[in-house]
Protein backbone atom coordinates (compact mmCIF):
# COMPACT_ATOMS: atom_id res chain seq x y z
CA UNK A 1 0.05 -0.31 0.36
CA UNK A 2 3.01 2.66 1.26
CA UNK A 3 4.59 1.55 -2.80
CA UNK A 4 1.08 2.30 -4.47
CA UNK A 5 0.70 5.65 -2.41
CA UNK A 6 4.01 6.43 -3.15
CA UNK A 7 3.68 5.89 -6.66
CA UNK A 8 -0.10 8.08 -6.95
CA UNK A 9 2.10 10.69 -5.30
CA UNK A 10 4.86 10.98 -7.89
CA UNK A 11 1.72 10.74 -10.68
CA UNK A 12 0.13 13.95 -8.52
CA UNK A 13 3.63 15.58 -8.33
CA UNK A 14 4.73 14.67 -12.36
CA UNK A 15 1.19 16.49 -13.39
CA UNK A 16 1.72 19.27 -11.14
CA UNK A 17 5.22 20.07 -12.66
CA UNK A 18 4.08 19.81 -15.93
CA UNK A 19 0.88 21.78 -15.56
CA UNK A 20 2.84 24.95 -14.35
CA UNK A 21 5.49 24.35 -16.91
CA UNK A 22 2.62 24.76 -19.47
CA UNK A 23 1.13 27.95 -17.33
CA UNK A 24 4.70 29.81 -17.33
CA UNK A 25 5.28 28.89 -20.89
CA UNK A 26 1.80 29.91 -22.03
CA UNK A 27 2.62 33.29 -19.52
CA UNK A 28 5.86 33.61 -20.65
CA UNK A 29 6.94 32.59 -24.47
CA UNK A 30 3.96 30.91 -26.24
CA UNK A 31 0.27 31.80 -26.20
CA UNK A 32 -2.64 29.91 -28.50
CA UNK A 33 -4.87 32.32 -30.49
CA UNK A 34 -7.61 31.65 -32.92
CA UNK A 35 -8.78 33.77 -35.58
CA UNK A 36 -12.50 34.52 -35.01
CA UNK A 37 -13.28 37.89 -37.47
CA UNK A 38 -12.24 38.13 -41.09
CA UNK A 39 -10.83 41.50 -40.77
CA UNK A 40 -7.17 40.57 -41.19
CA UNK A 41 -8.17 38.36 -44.34
CA UNK A 42 -6.48 37.27 -46.66
CA UNK A 43 -3.21 37.26 -44.49
CA UNK A 44 -5.14 35.55 -41.27
CA UNK A 45 -8.03 33.90 -42.06
CA UNK A 46 -11.30 33.14 -39.80
CA UNK A 47 -10.31 29.74 -38.31
CA UNK A 48 -6.67 29.72 -38.19
CA UNK A 49 -4.81 28.55 -34.74
CA UNK A 50 -1.87 30.62 -34.09
CA UNK A 51 0.81 30.27 -31.81
CA UNK A 52 1.89 34.03 -30.35
CA UNK A 53 5.67 34.56 -29.49
CA UNK A 54 5.24 36.75 -26.32
CA UNK A 55 8.84 38.23 -25.58
CA UNK A 56 8.76 40.28 -28.45
CA UNK A 57 7.69 43.06 -26.65
CA UNK A 58 8.96 42.47 -23.17
CA UNK A 59 8.58 40.09 -20.62
CA UNK A 60 5.33 39.48 -18.75
CA UNK A 61 5.37 38.28 -15.55
CA UNK A 62 3.14 35.11 -14.63
CA UNK A 63 0.08 35.38 -13.74
CA UNK A 64 -0.02 39.38 -13.82
CA UNK A 65 -0.01 41.90 -16.50
CA UNK A 66 2.58 43.59 -15.67
CA UNK A 67 5.12 43.58 -18.52
CA UNK A 68 8.75 44.77 -18.24
CA UNK A 69 9.90 46.74 -20.52
CA UNK A 70 6.22 48.25 -20.66
CA UNK A 71 6.72 50.00 -23.77
CA UNK A 72 8.74 47.90 -26.51
CA UNK A 73 8.24 50.26 -29.70
CA UNK A 74 6.80 47.97 -32.61
CA UNK A 75 7.94 48.09 -36.37
CA UNK A 76 5.68 49.60 -39.08
CA UNK A 77 4.32 46.78 -40.82
CA UNK A 78 4.77 43.97 -38.40
CA UNK A 79 1.55 41.93 -37.77
CA UNK A 80 0.63 42.32 -33.44
CA UNK A 81 -1.53 40.75 -31.28
CA UNK A 82 -2.57 42.94 -28.33
CA UNK A 83 -4.62 42.83 -25.29
CA UNK A 84 -8.01 45.53 -26.09
CA UNK A 85 -7.19 48.30 -23.68
CA UNK A 86 -8.80 47.00 -20.29
CA UNK A 87 -11.03 44.72 -21.52
CA UNK A 88 -9.72 40.54 -21.21
CA UNK A 89 -9.78 40.45 -25.04
CA UNK A 90 -7.20 39.74 -27.78
CA UNK A 91 -7.31 41.30 -30.65
CA UNK A 92 -4.53 41.00 -34.17
CA UNK A 93 -3.57 44.03 -36.78
CA UNK A 94 -1.17 45.07 -38.57
CA UNK A 95 1.22 48.53 -37.47
CA UNK A 96 0.82 51.25 -39.85
CA UNK A 97 2.50 54.03 -38.26
CA UNK A 98 4.33 54.73 -34.74
CA UNK A 99 4.48 57.61 -32.27
CA UNK A 100 4.71 61.23 -34.68
CA UNK A 101 3.74 60.02 -38.04
CA UNK A 102 1.01 61.71 -39.55
CA UNK A 103 -1.95 59.14 -40.90
CA UNK A 104 -4.62 60.08 -43.12
CA UNK A 105 -6.50 58.02 -45.71
CA UNK A 106 -8.08 59.28 -48.84
CA UNK A 107 -10.83 57.14 -50.46
CA UNK A 108 -9.36 53.97 -49.08
CA UNK A 109 -5.82 54.66 -49.90
CA UNK A 110 -3.51 55.38 -46.76
CA UNK A 111 -0.86 58.08 -46.45
CA UNK A 112 1.80 58.33 -44.07
CA UNK A 113 3.86 61.60 -43.74
CA UNK A 114 2.31 62.27 -46.69
CA UNK A 115 3.47 59.53 -48.92
CA UNK A 116 1.31 56.71 -50.18
CA UNK A 117 1.83 53.11 -48.46
CA UNK A 118 2.27 50.22 -50.81
CA UNK A 119 0.81 47.63 -49.36
CA UNK A 120 0.32 44.13 -51.34
CA UNK A 121 -1.82 42.54 -48.17
CA UNK A 122 -4.88 44.86 -48.39
CA UNK A 123 -8.14 43.64 -49.52
CA UNK A 124 -11.33 45.29 -49.77
CA UNK A 125 -14.41 43.81 -49.51
CA UNK A 126 -16.93 46.44 -49.80
CA UNK A 127 -17.16 49.13 -53.04
CA UNK A 128 -18.77 51.91 -51.17
CA UNK A 129 -17.00 54.63 -50.33
CA UNK A 130 -18.02 56.72 -47.39
CA UNK A 131 -17.10 60.32 -47.61
CA UNK A 132 -15.70 60.89 -44.27
CA UNK A 133 -16.58 63.51 -41.72
CA UNK A 134 -16.78 67.07 -41.90
CA UNK A 135 -17.26 70.33 -39.83
CA UNK A 136 -14.06 69.21 -37.93
CA UNK A 137 -10.42 71.26 -37.24
CA UNK A 138 -7.84 69.34 -37.69
CA UNK A 139 -7.07 69.83 -33.41
CA UNK A 140 -11.00 69.06 -33.22
CA UNK A 141 -10.81 65.79 -35.15
CA UNK A 142 -7.24 64.85 -33.63
CA UNK A 143 -8.90 65.71 -30.01
CA UNK A 144 -12.11 63.49 -30.71
CA UNK A 145 -10.19 60.91 -32.14
CA UNK A 146 -7.38 60.34 -28.93
CA UNK A 147 -10.92 60.04 -27.01
CA UNK A 148 -12.42 57.59 -29.00
CA UNK A 149 -15.65 59.64 -30.16
CA UNK A 150 -15.19 58.17 -33.30
CA UNK A 151 -15.73 54.12 -32.39
CA UNK A 152 -19.07 53.61 -34.11
CA UNK A 153 -19.05 56.22 -36.78
CA UNK A 154 -18.44 53.55 -40.14
CA UNK A 155 -17.93 57.22 -42.10
CA UNK A 156 -13.91 57.20 -40.65
CA UNK A 157 -13.66 53.97 -42.42
CA UNK A 158 -12.44 55.28 -45.91
CA UNK A 159 -11.56 58.58 -45.44
CA UNK A 160 -10.01 59.63 -42.30
CA UNK A 161 -7.69 62.44 -40.74
CA UNK A 162 -5.11 63.78 -40.70
CA UNK A 163 -4.14 62.73 -37.29
CA UNK A 164 -0.62 62.68 -35.48
CA UNK A 165 -0.16 59.39 -33.87
CA UNK A 166 0.63 60.35 -30.05
CA UNK A 167 3.79 59.28 -28.38
CA UNK A 168 3.70 56.14 -27.18
CA UNK A 169 1.03 54.41 -29.46
CA UNK A 170 0.80 52.93 -32.56
CA UNK A 171 -1.94 53.44 -35.54
CA UNK A 172 -3.11 49.45 -36.34
CA UNK A 173 -5.61 48.27 -39.07
CA UNK A 174 -6.67 45.14 -40.43
CA UNK A 175 -5.68 43.98 -43.84
CA UNK A 176 -9.16 43.72 -44.67
CA UNK A 177 -9.91 47.36 -44.68
CA UNK A 178 -13.85 47.24 -44.91
CA UNK A 179 -14.02 44.88 -42.43
CA UNK A 180 -11.71 45.86 -39.55
CA UNK A 181 -12.74 47.60 -36.57
CA UNK A 182 -9.32 49.42 -35.86
CA UNK A 183 -7.34 52.67 -34.90
CA UNK A 184 -9.49 54.75 -37.39
CA UNK A 185 -12.33 54.41 -35.13
CA UNK A 186 -11.25 53.72 -31.50
CA UNK A 187 -8.07 55.49 -31.47
CA UNK A 188 -4.08 55.10 -31.20
CA UNK A 189 -3.09 51.93 -29.05
CA UNK A 190 -0.49 52.26 -26.25
CA UNK A 191 2.98 50.39 -26.61
CA UNK A 192 2.24 48.62 -23.53
CA UNK A 193 -0.94 46.69 -24.60
CA UNK A 194 1.42 45.00 -27.25
CA UNK A 195 1.30 40.94 -26.38
CA UNK A 196 3.23 39.49 -29.24
CA UNK A 197 3.80 38.76 -32.69
CA UNK A 198 2.19 35.30 -34.84
CA UNK A 199 4.97 32.97 -35.14
CA UNK A 200 3.16 30.16 -36.85
CA UNK A 201 0.07 28.65 -37.81
CA UNK A 202 -0.65 25.09 -35.63
CA UNK A 203 -4.48 24.42 -37.31
CA UNK A 204 -6.52 25.54 -39.95
CA UNK A 205 -10.20 25.05 -40.18
CA UNK A 206 -12.88 26.26 -42.91
CA UNK A 207 -16.09 26.80 -40.98
CA UNK A 208 -17.90 27.47 -43.85
CA UNK A 209 -16.90 24.32 -45.95
CA UNK A 210 -16.02 21.91 -42.70
CA UNK A 211 -12.83 20.83 -43.69
CA UNK A 212 -9.37 21.29 -42.65
CA UNK A 213 -7.01 23.91 -44.79
CA UNK A 214 -3.99 21.40 -45.00
CA UNK A 215 -2.27 24.21 -46.91
CA UNK A 216 -1.60 26.22 -44.22
CA UNK A 217 -0.99 23.78 -41.30
CA UNK A 218 2.79 25.14 -40.13
CA UNK A 219 3.08 28.04 -42.45
CA UNK A 220 5.10 30.27 -40.98
CA UNK A 221 3.80 33.98 -39.93
CA UNK A 222 6.65 35.50 -38.64
CA UNK A 223 6.64 39.52 -40.56
CA UNK A 224 4.14 38.41 -43.00
């Protein structure tokens, strides 16, 4: 009986160690994430299962929201995963501009510091073009945008700004520009909310066609 109890104790101890290791890896190195919406098509598809590499933007102390260092600057063009402000929800978007950059959108075309961006990854799913907002001075538009006043206003989708990205923040957008709720609407993204970068697609399932996308399995998506 003693040997049986010892064996059971050893098994429980091994499982506790394994669980702790998994939790530590998840908290510090890798996080699983599933693409829930079409906002990043065709770069990332609904039903793509990703591993996110977390140390890209700082080391997160396990079981806390404390990140060291807190404000690691991303690079323009990077696809990033971030915590949506104070909500317990993660989003994935592409970094379009950084602090100090001027962003403007004219008829769906993005301009950063007065120059049009070359964006081969972008898709548009809606032929309609909204005219944008009028009646605001540049200063008013900047202030209201930073405060998130345009969060539910579809008119900023296709014609927007110009705004200057505030210090310590980034301007992020989805690659599927007509289906993405992003910095155009809710404002600049503080660096401190960045959680990591997509590393690899370890599984992909097409919910509409009810099939596994074998062609996407183990596709590396780092810096896509």
